[in-house]
Every structure is written in structure tokens, then in C-alpha cells.
Amino acid sequence: MTRHSFSFGPHYDPANLGFGPLVCHNDDRLDPSAADVAGYPEHPHTELEIVTWVLEGALVHTDVAGGRHVVEAGRAQVLSAGTGVRHSEVADAQSGRCGFVQAWLTPSAPGAVPSYALGEAPPSSSGLVEVAGGDGLPIGTTGARLLLARLSPGESVTLPDDPRQHVFAATGGVSLDGLDLRAGDAVRLTDEPGRTVRASEQTELLVWSFA
């Protein structure tokens, strides 16, 4: 099962093609017991920054450069497709069900050499932690940051002051100044600095912030 924040594949909406440099934001759930291969067999990409955050289970990444990485829950990966790369991403059958959120961004400068980076698990913190961009994994989209907050019921975070923000409740539920977001819900903010997000239950919050 996949839920899309923007137009994707056959789900085309000319009024919903992206938000700033963010052109894809997919919430995927893979079940290895339901298929011989749960996920995405080898396929190509060019001129995209592909950022993946694993929520549960583990995701197996392979690419034509010979790379093979198992990305466990609580870790991020960045694939800079640049001039062109082929890769596959499938659920690790030994880890059971796999859930991950994947975002595609347009790079600031085309023509880069393809590259791959795998992040370490970020520290346990109820505040916002940069997992890609900023102090996180490097990405080729200037001013873009993926921020993570793990919130217990009643805990809150203040969003950055950046002019564009894509706020996604990956799990749990939150209130954004009175607007309730359940797991899978997202909201896009433009020129609304300092908004507060408060958790109503245990929540993993993902925020794309664009300077």
C-alpha cells in the first residue's frame, strides 16, 4: 500500500505536482508474506535527491554500482541520482513488514555524479532533529532539511521559521494549533513561522523545511 502527498504515476493531478523542490512524498507499507518481492525491483532515476526514512522493519537497497545496504527502522538514506542510477528497494523478508516514507526533491545543480549515503540512528529526543540536510545526511537541494521528532502524548515542538514546511504525521497523532493530524496526514505551511505541534499519542513527526 502506498499513500501519495502529490501526483504520482497514474494518480495525476495537475494542481498537485509538488511543494517547492519537493515533488514526491510517498508513505509505503510492504508485506513480504504477501508477495514474492515486496517493493520496487530495479528501476532508473535521474536528477533527483531521494530521501528515505524507515519507520518499521527494514528496507534492502541495491544499486548497479554494487552497493547493498539494509536500512533498519530509525535510519535514513539519501540517494542522489544525478546523471543517472538504477536501484531496487524491497522489504527485508527476515524483518517482516516494512514501512517507510520516501521523498523526491529536485537538485539545485544538475549533472552531479550519483552518490549514496546511509545515516546512523539519530539520538532519542522529543525535539526536532535534522536527519537530512543541515547537520544530517548531505543532500543536493540547497536549503532543504528533513527534521524528525519523536513525541510522547502531551509533548510539543515549535516548527522552524523557514518559509515553506511540509508537516507529516508518520505515526500517531498531533494537533497543529488546533488542526488534528492523524497518521498519514500532512499539511503544507507557507510563511507561517513558529507554529506549534502537540502530540495526542506516541508520534513520529517528519517535517520538510525549505529556507
C-alpha atoms as a PDB file:
ATOM      1  CA  MET A   1       0.000   0.000   0.000  1.00  0.00           C
ATOM      2  CA  THR A   2       1.234   3.478  -0.857  1.00  0.00           C
ATOM      3  CA  ARG A   3      -0.225   6.859   0.050  1.00  0.00           C
ATOM      4  CA  HIS A   4       0.852   9.856  -2.040  1.00  0.00           C
ATOM      5  CA  SER A   5       1.020  13.500  -0.986  1.00  0.00           C
ATOM      6  CA  PHE A   6       1.444  14.620  -4.624  1.00  0.00           C
ATOM      7  CA  SER A   7       0.657  13.446  -8.135  1.00  0.00           C
ATOM      8  CA  PHE A   8       2.418  10.144  -8.719  1.00  0.00           C
ATOM      9  CA  GLY A   9       2.278   7.681 -11.621  1.00  0.00           C
ATOM     10  CA  PRO A  10      -1.329   7.128 -12.695  1.00  0.00           C
ATOM     11  CA  HIS A  11      -2.598   9.345  -9.847  1.00  0.00           C
ATOM     12  CA  TYR A  12      -2.191  12.568 -11.810  1.00  0.00           C
ATOM     13  CA  ASP A  13      -3.432  15.936 -10.604  1.00  0.00           C
ATOM     14  CA  PRO A  14      -2.011  18.964 -12.460  1.00  0.00           C
ATOM     15  CA  ALA A  15      -2.850  21.153  -9.450  1.00  0.00           C
ATOM     16  CA  ASN A  16      -0.790  18.989  -7.071  1.00  0.00           C
ATOM     17  CA  LEU A  17       2.635  18.444  -8.646  1.00  0.00           C
ATOM     18  CA  GLY A  18       4.811  19.447  -5.715  1.00  0.00           C
ATOM     19  CA  PHE A  19       5.675  21.920  -2.992  1.00  0.00           C
ATOM     20  CA  GLY A  20       8.811  23.932  -3.678  1.00  0.00           C
ATOM     21  CA  PRO A  21      11.554  21.413  -4.583  1.00  0.00           C
ATOM     22  CA  LEU A  22       9.534  18.534  -3.069  1.00  0.00           C
ATOM     23  CA  VAL A  23       7.966  16.623  -5.975  1.00  0.00           C
ATOM     24  CA  CYS A  24       7.145  13.288  -4.312  1.00  0.00           C
ATOM     25  CA  HIS A  25       6.243  12.272  -0.768  1.00  0.00           C
ATOM     26  CA  ASN A  26       5.125   8.636  -0.515  1.00  0.00           C
ATOM     27  CA  ASP A  27       4.155   6.610   2.540  1.00  0.00           C
ATOM     28  CA  ASP A  28       4.804   2.922   1.709  1.00  0.00           C
ATOM     29  CA  ARG A  29       3.809  -0.258   3.535  1.00  0.00           C
ATOM     30  CA  LEU A  30       5.336  -3.542   2.316  1.00  0.00           C
ATOM     31  CA  ASP A  31       4.370  -7.043   3.425  1.00  0.00           C
ATOM     32  CA  PRO A  32       6.917  -9.734   2.398  1.00  0.00           C
ATOM     33  CA  SER A  33       4.429 -12.501   3.205  1.00  0.00           C
ATOM     34  CA  ALA A  34       2.012 -11.230   0.554  1.00  0.00           C
ATOM     35  CA  ALA A  35       4.345 -11.295  -2.470  1.00  0.00           C
ATOM     36  CA  ASP A  36       7.477 -12.950  -3.799  1.00  0.00           C
ATOM     37  CA  VAL A  37       9.109  -9.494  -3.920  1.00  0.00           C
ATOM     38  CA  ALA A  38       7.615  -6.763  -1.747  1.00  0.00           C
ATOM     39  CA  GLY A  39       8.828  -3.428  -3.007  1.00  0.00           C
ATOM     40  CA  TYR A  40      10.379  -1.935  -6.104  1.00  0.00           C
ATOM     41  CA  PRO A  41      12.574  -4.051  -8.431  1.00  0.00           C
ATOM     42  CA  GLU A  42      15.470  -2.421 -10.269  1.00  0.00           C
ATOM     43  CA  HIS A  43      14.457   0.845 -11.955  1.00  0.00           C
ATOM     44  CA  PRO A  44      16.168   4.072 -13.090  1.00  0.00           C
ATOM     45  CA  HIS A  45      16.244   7.639 -11.766  1.00  0.00           C
ATOM     46  CA  THR A  46      17.954  10.817 -12.926  1.00  0.00           C
ATOM     47  CA  GLU A  47      18.297  14.291 -11.397  1.00  0.00           C
ATOM     48  CA  LEU A  48      16.534  13.556  -8.130  1.00  0.00           C
ATOM     49  CA  GLU A  49      17.515  13.654  -4.472  1.00  0.00           C
ATOM     50  CA  ILE A  50      15.757  10.597  -3.000  1.00  0.00           C
ATOM     51  CA  VAL A  51      15.457  10.607   0.780  1.00  0.00           C
ATOM     52  CA  THR A  52      14.038   7.588   2.612  1.00  0.00           C
ATOM     53  CA  TRP A  53      13.117   7.261   6.284  1.00  0.00           C
ATOM     54  CA  VAL A  54      12.329   3.745   7.527  1.00  0.00           C
ATOM     55  CA  LEU A  55       9.541   3.538  10.107  1.00  0.00           C
ATOM     56  CA  GLU A  56       9.376  -0.206  10.782  1.00  0.00           C
ATOM     57  CA  GLY A  57      11.106  -3.386   9.657  1.00  0.00           C
ATOM     58  CA  ALA A  58      13.998  -2.990   7.260  1.00  0.00           C
ATOM     59  CA  LEU A  59      14.484  -1.994   3.615  1.00  0.00           C
ATOM     60  CA  VAL A  60      17.099  -3.603   1.361  1.00  0.00           C
ATOM     61  CA  HIS A  61      18.722  -1.174  -1.095  1.00  0.00           C
ATOM     62  CA  THR A  62      20.810  -2.405  -4.029  1.00  0.00           C
ATOM     63  CA  ASP A  63      22.256  -0.417  -6.927  1.00  0.00           C
ATOM     64  CA  VAL A  64      24.196  -1.014 -10.136  1.00  0.00           C
ATOM     65  CA  ALA A  65      27.368   0.342  -8.552  1.00  0.00           C
ATOM     66  CA  GLY A  66      27.445  -2.807  -6.433  1.00  0.00           C
ATOM     67  CA  GLY A  67      26.074  -1.259  -3.276  1.00  0.00           C
ATOM     68  CA  ARG A  68      23.836  -3.265  -0.979  1.00  0.00           C
ATOM     69  CA  HIS A  69      22.563  -1.825   2.277  1.00  0.00           C
ATOM     70  CA  VAL A  70      19.964  -2.907   4.797  1.00  0.00           C
ATOM     71  CA  VAL A  71      18.268   0.185   6.196  1.00  0.00           C
ATOM     72  CA  GLU A  72      16.687  -0.571   9.561  1.00  0.00           C
ATOM     73  CA  ALA A  73      13.857   1.322  11.215  1.00  0.00           C
ATOM     74  CA  GLY A  74      15.021   4.645  12.611  1.00  0.00           C
ATOM     75  CA  ARG A  75      17.599   5.312   9.900  1.00  0.00           C
ATOM     76  CA  ALA A  76      17.632   7.484   6.780  1.00  0.00           C
ATOM     77  CA  GLN A  77      19.233   7.027   3.387  1.00  0.00           C
ATOM     78  CA  VAL A  78      19.914   9.546   0.636  1.00  0.00           C
ATOM     79  CA  LEU A  79      20.363   8.532  -2.996  1.00  0.00           C
ATOM     80  CA  SER A  80      21.495  11.392  -5.222  1.00  0.00           C
ATOM     81  CA  ALA A  81      20.559  10.105  -8.677  1.00  0.00           C
ATOM     82  CA  GLY A  82      22.472  12.815 -10.536  1.00  0.00           C
ATOM     83  CA  THR A  83      23.245  11.864 -14.129  1.00  0.00           C
ATOM     84  CA  GLY A  84      21.549   8.502 -13.709  1.00  0.00           C
ATOM     85  CA  VAL A  85      21.379   5.451 -11.468  1.00  0.00           C
ATOM     86  CA  ARG A  86      19.481   2.171 -11.299  1.00  0.00           C
ATOM     87  CA  HIS A  87      18.478   0.716  -7.944  1.00  0.00           C
ATOM     88  CA  SER A  88      15.983  -1.531  -6.188  1.00  0.00           C
ATOM     89  CA  GLU A  89      14.335  -1.296  -2.789  1.00  0.00           C
ATOM     90  CA  VAL A  90      12.498  -4.242  -1.265  1.00  0.00           C
ATOM     91  CA  ALA A  91      11.412  -5.293   2.192  1.00  0.00           C
ATOM     92  CA  ASP A  92      13.848  -7.450   4.143  1.00  0.00           C
ATOM     93  CA  ALA A  93      11.863 -10.674   4.448  1.00  0.00           C
ATOM     94  CA  GLN A  94      13.593 -11.606   7.708  1.00  0.00           C
ATOM     95  CA  SER A  95      12.376  -8.387   9.352  1.00  0.00           C
ATOM     96  CA  GLY A  96       8.716  -8.805   8.411  1.00  0.00           C
ATOM     97  CA  ARG A  97       6.535  -5.885   7.427  1.00  0.00           C
ATOM     98  CA  CYS A  98       8.330  -2.741   6.305  1.00  0.00           C
ATOM     99  CA  GLY A  99       7.091   0.833   6.428  1.00  0.00           C
ATOM    100  CA  PHE A 100       8.968   3.797   5.031  1.00  0.00           C
ATOM    101  CA  VAL A 101       8.461   7.358   3.852  1.00  0.00           C
ATOM    102  CA  GLN A 102      10.257   8.444   0.696  1.00  0.00           C
ATOM    103  CA  ALA A 103      10.630  11.956  -0.666  1.00  0.00           C
ATOM    104  CA  TRP A 104      11.978  13.104  -4.024  1.00  0.00           C
ATOM    105  CA  LEU A 105      13.446  16.585  -4.413  1.00  0.00           C
ATOM    106  CA  THR A 106      14.826  18.428  -7.411  1.00  0.00           C
ATOM    107  CA  PRO A 107      18.568  19.119  -7.056  1.00  0.00           C
ATOM    108  CA  SER A 108      19.865  22.668  -7.015  1.00  0.00           C
ATOM    109  CA  ALA A 109      22.509  21.883  -9.658  1.00  0.00           C
ATOM    110  CA  PRO A 110      22.026  19.153 -12.294  1.00  0.00           C
ATOM    111  CA  GLY A 111      24.744  16.880 -13.601  1.00  0.00           C
ATOM    112  CA  ALA A 112      26.116  15.562 -10.309  1.00  0.00           C
ATOM    113  CA  VAL A 113      27.839  12.195 -10.001  1.00  0.00           C
ATOM    114  CA  PRO A 114      25.427   9.700  -8.402  1.00  0.00           C
ATOM    115  CA  SER A 115      26.072   9.039  -4.701  1.00  0.00           C
ATOM    116  CA  TYR A 116      24.583   7.176  -1.751  1.00  0.00           C
ATOM    117  CA  ALA A 117      24.649   7.812   1.989  1.00  0.00           C
ATOM    118  CA  LEU A 118      23.219   5.890   4.936  1.00  0.00           C
ATOM    119  CA  GLY A 119      22.612   7.655   8.226  1.00  0.00           C
ATOM    120  CA  GLU A 120      23.032   6.478  11.779  1.00  0.00           C
ATOM    121  CA  ALA A 121      20.077   6.325  14.134  1.00  0.00           C
ATOM    122  CA  PRO A 122      19.522   9.859  15.486  1.00  0.00           C
ATOM    123  CA  PRO A 123      19.560  10.454  19.247  1.00  0.00           C
ATOM    124  CA  SER A 124      16.370   9.878  21.200  1.00  0.00           C
ATOM    125  CA  SER A 125      14.898  13.327  21.559  1.00  0.00           C
ATOM    126  CA  SER A 126      11.462  14.881  21.647  1.00  0.00           C
ATOM    127  CA  GLY A 127      12.816  17.939  19.840  1.00  0.00           C
ATOM    128  CA  LEU A 128      13.352  18.310  16.104  1.00  0.00           C
ATOM    129  CA  VAL A 129      16.498  16.551  14.837  1.00  0.00           C
ATOM    130  CA  GLU A 130      17.976  17.054  11.357  1.00  0.00           C
ATOM    131  CA  VAL A 131      18.295  13.682   9.615  1.00  0.00           C
ATOM    132  CA  ALA A 132      18.931  15.005   6.068  1.00  0.00           C
ATOM    133  CA  GLY A 133      20.188  18.429   5.075  1.00  0.00           C
ATOM    134  CA  GLY A 134      21.683  20.766   7.663  1.00  0.00           C
ATOM    135  CA  ASP A 135      23.605  18.624  10.165  1.00  0.00           C
ATOM    136  CA  GLY A 136      22.081  15.421   8.773  1.00  0.00           C
ATOM    137  CA  LEU A 137      22.935  13.446   5.653  1.00  0.00           C
ATOM    138  CA  PRO A 138      24.021  15.746   2.801  1.00  0.00           C
ATOM    139  CA  ILE A 139      21.514  16.351   0.018  1.00  0.00           C
ATOM    140  CA  GLY A 140      21.915  18.273  -3.214  1.00  0.00           C
ATOM    141  CA  THR A 141      18.943  20.569  -2.687  1.00  0.00           C
ATOM    142  CA  THR A 142      20.102  23.830  -1.124  1.00  0.00           C
ATOM    143  CA  GLY A 143      18.135  24.942   1.915  1.00  0.00           C
ATOM    144  CA  ALA A 144      16.163  21.687   2.285  1.00  0.00           C
ATOM    145  CA  ARG A 145      16.101  19.845   5.621  1.00  0.00           C
ATOM    146  CA  LEU A 146      14.268  16.750   6.826  1.00  0.00           C
ATOM    147  CA  LEU A 147      13.536  17.045  10.543  1.00  0.00           C
ATOM    148  CA  LEU A 148      12.341  14.287  12.862  1.00  0.00           C
ATOM    149  CA  ALA A 149      10.593  14.499  16.217  1.00  0.00           C
ATOM    150  CA  ARG A 150       9.523  11.552  18.371  1.00  0.00           C
ATOM    151  CA  LEU A 151       6.805  12.851  20.670  1.00  0.00           C
ATOM    152  CA  SER A 152       5.064  11.315  23.664  1.00  0.00           C
ATOM    153  CA  PRO A 153       1.461  12.300  24.474  1.00  0.00           C
ATOM    154  CA  GLY A 154       1.335  15.924  25.555  1.00  0.00           C
ATOM    155  CA  GLU A 155       4.804  16.814  24.247  1.00  0.00           C
ATOM    156  CA  SER A 156       5.137  19.615  21.703  1.00  0.00           C
ATOM    157  CA  VAL A 157       7.634  21.135  19.305  1.00  0.00           C
ATOM    158  CA  THR A 158       7.830  24.524  17.647  1.00  0.00           C
ATOM    159  CA  LEU A 159       8.298  24.349  13.895  1.00  0.00           C
ATOM    160  CA  PRO A 160      11.124  26.241  12.176  1.00  0.00           C
ATOM    161  CA  ASP A 161      10.714  29.729  10.760  1.00  0.00           C
ATOM    162  CA  ASP A 162      11.505  28.663   7.192  1.00  0.00           C
ATOM    163  CA  PRO A 163       9.012  29.970   4.598  1.00  0.00           C
ATOM    164  CA  ARG A 164       7.878  26.515   3.380  1.00  0.00           C
ATOM    165  CA  GLN A 165       7.225  23.454   5.525  1.00  0.00           C
ATOM    166  CA  HIS A 166       5.641  20.077   4.810  1.00  0.00           C
ATOM    167  CA  VAL A 167       4.484  18.586   8.129  1.00  0.00           C
ATOM    168  CA  PHE A 168       3.663  14.857   8.167  1.00  0.00           C
ATOM    169  CA  ALA A 169       2.368  12.659  10.979  1.00  0.00           C
ATOM    170  CA  ALA A 170       4.063   9.377  10.069  1.00  0.00           C
ATOM    171  CA  THR A 171       2.612   7.609  13.106  1.00  0.00           C
ATOM    172  CA  GLY A 172       0.376   8.566  15.993  1.00  0.00           C
ATOM    173  CA  GLY A 173      -1.467  11.864  16.004  1.00  0.00           C
ATOM    174  CA  VAL A 174      -0.825  15.545  16.642  1.00  0.00           C
ATOM    175  CA  SER A 175      -2.574  18.869  16.833  1.00  0.00           C
ATOM    176  CA  LEU A 176      -1.162  21.794  14.842  1.00  0.00           C
ATOM    177  CA  ASP A 177      -2.573  24.827  16.639  1.00  0.00           C
ATOM    178  CA  GLY A 178      -5.955  23.098  16.786  1.00  0.00           C
ATOM    179  CA  LEU A 179      -5.793  21.249  13.454  1.00  0.00           C
ATOM    180  CA  ASP A 180      -5.752  17.490  14.126  1.00  0.00           C
ATOM    181  CA  LEU A 181      -3.450  15.300  12.034  1.00  0.00           C
ATOM    182  CA  ARG A 182      -3.716  11.533  12.237  1.00  0.00           C
ATOM    183  CA  ALA A 183      -1.142   9.012  10.982  1.00  0.00           C
ATOM    184  CA  GLY A 184      -0.724   9.583   7.235  1.00  0.00           C
ATOM    185  CA  ASP A 185      -1.958  13.185   7.291  1.00  0.00           C
ATOM    186  CA  ALA A 186       0.150  16.109   6.077  1.00  0.00           C
ATOM    187  CA  VAL A 187      -0.194  19.866   5.988  1.00  0.00           C
ATOM    188  CA  ARG A 188       1.754  22.423   3.935  1.00  0.00           C
ATOM    189  CA  LEU A 189       2.680  25.732   5.535  1.00  0.00           C
ATOM    190  CA  THR A 190       3.765  28.850   3.649  1.00  0.00           C
ATOM    191  CA  ASP A 191       5.071  31.873   5.563  1.00  0.00           C
ATOM    192  CA  GLU A 192       3.666  30.684   8.895  1.00  0.00           C
ATOM    193  CA  PRO A 193       6.646  30.753  11.287  1.00  0.00           C
ATOM    194  CA  GLY A 194       6.619  29.425  14.814  1.00  0.00           C
ATOM    195  CA  ARG A 195       3.630  27.084  14.618  1.00  0.00           C
ATOM    196  CA  THR A 196       3.314  24.565  17.457  1.00  0.00           C
ATOM    197  CA  VAL A 197       2.700  20.840  17.079  1.00  0.00           C
ATOM    198  CA  ARG A 198       1.460  18.889  20.120  1.00  0.00           C
ATOM    199  CA  ALA A 199       1.176  15.092  20.248  1.00  0.00           C
ATOM    200  CA  SER A 200      -2.055  13.428  21.345  1.00  0.00           C
ATOM    201  CA  GLU A 201      -0.371   9.997  21.337  1.00  0.00           C
ATOM    202  CA  GLN A 202       3.058   8.497  20.682  1.00  0.00           C
ATOM    203  CA  THR A 203       4.037  10.071  17.364  1.00  0.00           C
ATOM    204  CA  GLU A 204       6.820  10.112  14.802  1.00  0.00           C
ATOM    205  CA  LEU A 205       6.682  13.504  13.074  1.00  0.00           C
ATOM    206  CA  LEU A 206       8.544  14.265   9.824  1.00  0.00           C
ATOM    207  CA  VAL A 207       8.967  17.866   8.683  1.00  0.00           C
ATOM    208  CA  TRP A 208      10.461  19.022   5.392  1.00  0.00           C
ATOM    209  CA  SER A 209      11.607  22.606   5.826  1.00  0.00           C
ATOM    210  CA  PHE A 210      12.758  24.833   2.961  1.00  0.00           C
ATOM    211  CA  ALA A 211      14.719  28.049   3.507  1.00  0.00           C
END
